Amino acid sequence: MISCDKYDYIEIACMHRYPVEITLNTGATLNGTAIDTARNDNRQECIKILTDDLESLIVLDDISLLKICVENPHFDSVEIN
């Protein structure tokens, strides 16, 4: 479970529908548009991203780094775990 202050960054990215690059704990990276937060079938907290017209849920506990791919007044990147 991530801390509340880290969750705020996730919500900001989704609220503004920022294009993001997500680095997983495994080192893999995913790119897409942050669109919402949700829970998956296992009731894990996730970020929902849109990539090539497909929605994907990424478990927040699996995220190492969230990077915003456009200039914005909020933040550039944040380490999640």
N, C-alpha and C. Protein backbone atom coordinates (compact mmCIF):
# COMPACT_ATOMS: atom_id res chain seq x y z
N MET A 1 0.85 -1.18 0.00
CA MET A 1 0.00 0.00 0.00
C MET A 1 0.90 1.24 0.00
N ILE A 2 0.59 2.18 -0.88
CA ILE A 2 1.41 3.39 -0.95
C ILE A 2 0.88 4.43 0.03
N SER A 3 1.74 5.39 0.36
CA SER A 3 1.35 6.42 1.32
C SER A 3 0.36 7.40 0.68
N CYS A 4 -0.36 8.10 1.52
CA CYS A 4 -1.37 9.05 1.05
C CYS A 4 -0.74 10.16 0.21
N ASP A 5 0.44 10.64 0.61
CA ASP A 5 1.05 11.73 -0.17
C ASP A 5 1.46 11.25 -1.56
N LYS A 6 1.86 10.00 -1.70
CA LYS A 6 2.20 9.45 -3.02
C LYS A 6 0.92 9.25 -3.85
N TYR A 7 -0.15 8.85 -3.18
CA TYR A 7 -1.43 8.66 -3.86
C TYR A 7 -1.92 9.99 -4.46
N ASP A 8 -1.63 11.09 -3.77
CA ASP A 8 -2.01 12.41 -4.29
C ASP A 8 -1.40 12.67 -5.66
N TYR A 9 -0.15 12.25 -5.86
CA TYR A 9 0.49 12.43 -7.17
C TYR A 9 -0.23 11.63 -8.25
N ILE A 10 -0.65 10.42 -7.90
CA ILE A 10 -1.41 9.59 -8.84
C ILE A 10 -2.70 10.31 -9.24
N GLU A 11 -3.39 10.85 -8.24
CA GLU A 11 -4.65 11.54 -8.51
C GLU A 11 -4.45 12.79 -9.37
N ILE A 12 -3.36 13.54 -9.13
CA ILE A 12 -3.07 14.72 -9.95
C ILE A 12 -2.87 14.32 -11.40
N ALA A 13 -2.09 13.27 -11.62
CA ALA A 13 -1.83 12.79 -12.98
C ALA A 13 -3.14 12.41 -13.68
N CYS A 14 -4.02 11.75 -12.96
CA CYS A 14 -5.30 11.32 -13.54
C CYS A 14 -6.24 12.49 -13.77
N MET A 15 -6.30 13.40 -12.81
CA MET A 15 -7.21 14.54 -12.90
C MET A 15 -6.90 15.39 -14.13
N HIS A 16 -5.62 15.52 -14.45
CA HIS A 16 -5.20 16.33 -15.60
C HIS A 16 -4.98 15.49 -16.86
N ARG A 17 -5.18 14.19 -16.73
CA ARG A 17 -5.00 13.26 -17.85
C ARG A 17 -3.65 13.44 -18.54
N TYR A 18 -2.63 13.48 -17.69
CA TYR A 18 -1.28 13.67 -18.19
C TYR A 18 -0.77 12.42 -18.88
N PRO A 19 0.03 12.59 -19.93
CA PRO A 19 0.76 11.45 -20.49
C PRO A 19 1.85 11.07 -19.49
N VAL A 20 1.96 9.79 -19.20
CA VAL A 20 2.89 9.33 -18.17
C VAL A 20 3.78 8.22 -18.68
N GLU A 21 4.93 8.11 -18.03
CA GLU A 21 5.80 6.96 -18.19
C GLU A 21 5.91 6.33 -16.81
N ILE A 22 5.54 5.08 -16.72
CA ILE A 22 5.54 4.36 -15.45
C ILE A 22 6.64 3.31 -15.48
N THR A 23 7.52 3.38 -14.50
CA THR A 23 8.55 2.37 -14.35
C THR A 23 8.13 1.43 -13.23
N LEU A 24 8.07 0.15 -13.57
CA LEU A 24 7.67 -0.86 -12.59
C LEU A 24 8.86 -1.29 -11.75
N ASN A 25 8.59 -1.94 -10.65
CA ASN A 25 9.65 -2.46 -9.78
C ASN A 25 10.56 -3.44 -10.53
N THR A 26 10.05 -4.05 -11.58
CA THR A 26 10.82 -5.00 -12.38
C THR A 26 11.78 -4.30 -13.34
N GLY A 27 11.61 -2.98 -13.51
CA GLY A 27 12.42 -2.22 -14.45
C GLY A 27 11.72 -1.97 -15.78
N ALA A 28 10.63 -2.67 -16.03
CA ALA A 28 9.85 -2.45 -17.26
C ALA A 28 9.20 -1.07 -17.22
N THR A 29 9.00 -0.48 -18.39
CA THR A 29 8.32 0.82 -18.46
C THR A 29 7.07 0.71 -19.30
N LEU A 30 6.08 1.50 -18.94
CA LEU A 30 4.81 1.58 -19.65
C LEU A 30 4.52 3.05 -19.93
N ASN A 31 3.96 3.33 -21.08
CA ASN A 31 3.59 4.70 -21.45
C ASN A 31 2.11 4.74 -21.78
N GLY A 32 1.47 5.83 -21.38
CA GLY A 32 0.06 6.01 -21.68
C GLY A 32 -0.44 7.29 -21.06
N THR A 33 -1.74 7.46 -21.08
CA THR A 33 -2.38 8.62 -20.48
C THR A 33 -3.07 8.18 -19.20
N ALA A 34 -2.73 8.84 -18.10
CA ALA A 34 -3.36 8.54 -16.82
C ALA A 34 -4.80 9.01 -16.87
N ILE A 35 -5.74 8.10 -16.60
CA ILE A 35 -7.15 8.50 -16.72
C ILE A 35 -7.96 8.34 -15.43
N ASP A 36 -7.54 7.44 -14.53
CA ASP A 36 -8.35 7.24 -13.33
C ASP A 36 -7.62 6.34 -12.36
N THR A 37 -8.16 6.24 -11.17
CA THR A 37 -7.73 5.21 -10.22
C THR A 37 -8.86 4.21 -10.11
N ALA A 38 -8.53 2.99 -9.78
CA ALA A 38 -9.54 1.93 -9.70
C ALA A 38 -8.97 0.77 -8.90
N ARG A 39 -9.80 -0.20 -8.64
CA ARG A 39 -9.36 -1.44 -8.02
C ARG A 39 -9.54 -2.56 -9.04
N ASN A 40 -8.59 -3.48 -9.05
CA ASN A 40 -8.71 -4.62 -9.97
C ASN A 40 -9.58 -5.71 -9.33
N ASP A 41 -9.66 -6.84 -9.97
CA ASP A 41 -10.50 -7.94 -9.47
C ASP A 41 -10.02 -8.47 -8.13
N ASN A 42 -8.74 -8.26 -7.81
CA ASN A 42 -8.18 -8.69 -6.53
C ASN A 42 -8.27 -7.60 -5.47
N ARG A 43 -8.98 -6.52 -5.80
CA ARG A 43 -9.20 -5.38 -4.90
C ARG A 43 -7.92 -4.61 -4.59
N GLN A 44 -6.94 -4.68 -5.51
CA GLN A 44 -5.71 -3.92 -5.35
C GLN A 44 -5.89 -2.53 -5.97
N GLU A 45 -5.32 -1.52 -5.32
CA GLU A 45 -5.40 -0.16 -5.85
C GLU A 45 -4.54 -0.06 -7.10
N CYS A 46 -5.10 0.58 -8.14
CA CYS A 46 -4.43 0.67 -9.44
C CYS A 46 -4.58 2.06 -10.03
N ILE A 47 -3.71 2.35 -10.98
CA ILE A 47 -3.89 3.50 -11.86
C ILE A 47 -4.35 2.94 -13.21
N LYS A 48 -5.34 3.58 -13.78
CA LYS A 48 -5.84 3.17 -15.09
C LYS A 48 -5.20 4.08 -16.12
N ILE A 49 -4.53 3.47 -17.10
CA ILE A 49 -3.93 4.26 -18.16
C ILE A 49 -4.52 3.83 -19.50
N LEU A 50 -4.50 4.76 -20.43
CA LEU A 50 -4.99 4.52 -21.77
C LEU A 50 -3.80 4.51 -22.72
N THR A 51 -3.65 3.39 -23.43
CA THR A 51 -2.57 3.23 -24.40
C THR A 51 -3.17 2.66 -25.68
N ASP A 52 -3.04 3.38 -26.77
CA ASP A 52 -3.56 2.90 -28.06
C ASP A 52 -5.00 2.43 -27.96
N ASP A 53 -5.85 3.23 -27.34
CA ASP A 53 -7.28 2.94 -27.18
C ASP A 53 -7.59 1.74 -26.30
N LEU A 54 -6.61 1.25 -25.54
CA LEU A 54 -6.81 0.16 -24.60
C LEU A 54 -6.56 0.65 -23.18
N GLU A 55 -7.48 0.35 -22.27
CA GLU A 55 -7.30 0.71 -20.87
C GLU A 55 -6.60 -0.42 -20.15
N SER A 56 -5.63 -0.05 -19.31
CA SER A 56 -4.90 -1.03 -18.51
C SER A 56 -4.88 -0.57 -17.06
N LEU A 57 -4.95 -1.54 -16.16
CA LEU A 57 -4.82 -1.26 -14.74
C LEU A 57 -3.43 -1.68 -14.28
N ILE A 58 -2.71 -0.77 -13.63
CA ILE A 58 -1.39 -1.08 -13.10
C ILE A 58 -1.46 -0.95 -11.59
N VAL A 59 -1.11 -2.01 -10.90
CA VAL A 59 -1.15 -2.04 -9.44
C VAL A 59 -0.16 -1.02 -8.90
N LEU A 60 -0.63 -0.15 -8.01
CA LEU A 60 0.21 0.91 -7.48
C LEU A 60 1.45 0.37 -6.75
N ASP A 61 1.30 -0.74 -6.05
CA ASP A 61 2.43 -1.33 -5.33
C ASP A 61 3.52 -1.84 -6.27
N ASP A 62 3.20 -2.00 -7.55
CA ASP A 62 4.17 -2.47 -8.54
C ASP A 62 4.94 -1.33 -9.19
N ILE A 63 4.57 -0.09 -8.88
CA ILE A 63 5.18 1.07 -9.53
C ILE A 63 6.36 1.58 -8.72
N SER A 64 7.47 1.76 -9.42
CA SER A 64 8.67 2.32 -8.81
C SER A 64 8.71 3.84 -9.02
N LEU A 65 8.41 4.28 -10.25
CA LEU A 65 8.53 5.70 -10.60
C LEU A 65 7.39 6.10 -11.53
N LEU A 66 6.81 7.25 -11.27
CA LEU A 66 5.79 7.83 -12.13
C LEU A 66 6.35 9.14 -12.68
N LYS A 67 6.44 9.25 -13.99
CA LYS A 67 6.99 10.43 -14.63
C LYS A 67 5.93 11.05 -15.54
N ILE A 68 5.75 12.36 -15.42
CA ILE A 68 4.84 13.09 -16.29
C ILE A 68 5.62 13.51 -17.53
N CYS A 69 5.06 13.29 -18.70
CA CYS A 69 5.79 13.50 -19.96
C CYS A 69 5.51 14.84 -20.63
N VAL A 70 4.90 15.77 -19.93
CA VAL A 70 4.68 17.12 -20.43
C VAL A 70 5.01 18.11 -19.32
N GLU A 71 5.36 19.31 -19.71
CA GLU A 71 5.60 20.34 -18.69
C GLU A 71 4.28 20.67 -18.01
N ASN A 72 4.36 20.85 -16.69
CA ASN A 72 3.17 21.15 -15.92
C ASN A 72 3.59 21.84 -14.63
N PRO A 73 2.66 22.50 -13.94
CA PRO A 73 3.01 23.21 -12.71
C PRO A 73 3.04 22.33 -11.46
N HIS A 74 2.78 21.03 -11.60
CA HIS A 74 2.60 20.18 -10.42
C HIS A 74 3.85 19.41 -10.05
N PHE A 75 4.33 18.54 -10.93
CA PHE A 75 5.52 17.76 -10.65
C PHE A 75 6.03 17.11 -11.93
N ASP A 76 7.31 16.70 -11.91
CA ASP A 76 7.90 16.04 -13.06
C ASP A 76 7.87 14.53 -12.90
N SER A 77 8.30 14.08 -11.73
CA SER A 77 8.30 12.64 -11.46
C SER A 77 8.27 12.43 -9.94
N VAL A 78 7.88 11.23 -9.56
CA VAL A 78 7.84 10.88 -8.14
C VAL A 78 8.13 9.40 -8.00
N GLU A 79 8.96 9.09 -7.02
CA GLU A 79 9.21 7.68 -6.68
C GLU A 79 8.04 7.19 -5.84
N ILE A 80 7.44 6.11 -6.27
CA ILE A 80 6.27 5.58 -5.57
C ILE A 80 6.70 4.54 -4.53
N ASN A 81 7.49 3.57 -4.94
CA ASN A 81 7.98 2.53 -4.02
C ASN A 81 9.48 2.45 -4.09
